[in-house]
Protein backbone atom coordinates (compact mmCIF):
# COMPACT_ATOMS: atom_id res chain seq x y z
CA MET A 1 36.31 0.19 -16.32
CA PRO A 2 33.88 0.48 -13.41
CA THR A 3 34.54 -1.46 -10.26
CA LEU A 4 31.59 -3.24 -8.67
CA LEU A 5 31.35 -3.13 -4.93
CA ARG A 6 29.73 -6.20 -3.51
CA GLU A 7 28.16 -6.39 -0.12
CA PRO A 8 27.92 -9.71 1.67
CA PHE A 9 24.56 -11.47 1.37
CA HIS A 10 22.64 -11.19 4.61
CA ALA A 11 19.89 -13.48 5.81
CA GLY A 12 17.78 -10.40 6.61
CA ALA A 13 17.92 -9.34 2.98
CA ALA A 14 16.73 -12.79 1.89
CA GLU A 15 13.81 -12.65 4.33
CA GLY A 16 12.83 -9.23 3.02
CA LEU A 17 12.91 -10.53 -0.53
CA VAL A 18 10.81 -13.56 0.38
CA ASP A 19 8.27 -11.34 2.15
CA ALA A 20 8.09 -9.04 -0.87
CA LEU A 21 7.56 -11.97 -3.22
CA LYS A 22 4.84 -13.41 -0.97
CA ALA A 23 3.07 -10.05 -0.96
CA LEU A 24 3.33 -9.86 -4.75
CA VAL A 25 1.88 -13.36 -5.14
CA ASP A 26 -0.96 -12.55 -2.70
CA GLU A 27 -1.84 -9.36 -4.55
CA THR A 28 -1.71 -11.15 -7.91
CA LEU A 29 -4.06 -13.86 -6.65
CA MET A 30 -6.48 -11.27 -5.28
CA LEU A 31 -6.45 -9.42 -8.61
CA ALA A 32 -7.11 -12.64 -10.51
CA GLU A 33 -9.99 -13.48 -8.16
CA ALA A 34 -11.48 -10.00 -8.63
CA LEU A 35 -11.21 -10.27 -12.39
CA LEU A 36 -12.86 -13.69 -12.40
CA SER A 37 -15.75 -12.69 -10.12
CA PRO A 38 -16.43 -8.96 -10.52
CA ASN A 39 -20.00 -9.22 -9.20
CA ARG A 40 -18.74 -9.89 -5.68
CA ILE A 41 -16.52 -6.81 -5.80
CA ILE A 42 -19.35 -4.71 -7.21
CA GLY A 43 -21.64 -5.91 -4.41
CA GLU A 44 -19.07 -5.00 -1.77
CA VAL A 45 -18.63 -1.53 -3.26
CA GLU A 46 -22.40 -1.03 -3.28
CA GLN A 47 -22.59 -2.05 0.40
CA MET A 48 -19.76 0.31 1.29
CA ARG A 49 -21.43 3.16 -0.58
CA ALA A 50 -24.79 2.53 1.13
CA LEU A 51 -23.13 2.60 4.56
CA GLN A 52 -21.27 5.81 3.71
CA VAL A 53 -24.48 7.49 2.51
CA ALA A 54 -26.32 6.39 5.66
CA ALA A 55 -23.45 7.71 7.79
CA ASP A 56 -23.55 11.05 6.00
CA ASP A 57 -27.32 11.28 6.55
CA ILE A 58 -27.18 10.68 10.30
CA GLU A 59 -23.93 12.54 11.01
CA PRO A 60 -25.65 15.74 12.23
CA THR A 61 -27.93 13.93 14.68
CA ASP A 62 -25.87 10.90 15.74
CA PRO A 63 -22.14 11.24 15.05
CA ALA A 64 -21.26 8.12 17.07
CA ARG A 65 -23.56 5.94 14.97
CA ALA A 66 -22.20 7.52 11.80
CA GLU A 67 -18.68 6.56 12.89
CA VAL A 68 -19.82 2.96 13.47
CA LEU A 69 -21.30 2.82 9.97
CA ARG A 70 -18.11 4.21 8.45
CA SER A 71 -16.06 1.69 10.38
CA ARG A 72 -18.22 -1.16 9.07
CA ALA A 73 -17.87 0.20 5.53
CA SER A 74 -14.09 0.29 5.82
CA ARG A 75 -13.92 -3.40 6.77
CA ILE A 76 -16.18 -4.83 4.07
CA GLY A 77 -13.43 -5.68 1.61
CA LEU A 78 -11.28 -7.30 4.31
CA ARG A 79 -13.49 -10.34 4.79
């Protein structure tokens, strides 16, 4: 018969579990929001794509500006 080794319950473990559950709930809510309003997500993706294309076009002549456009594109979904 196997013997179970039990470790004492630590407060740090509970905090980690709570943080993981909060992250799971946040992600679930964001998914539900995206499924309920896909047009907003599609619009954001179109904006990101337009900025990436513009950055690619000006990369040879103005790499600093291209980097600014890519940076803006990377932050669109974080609003």
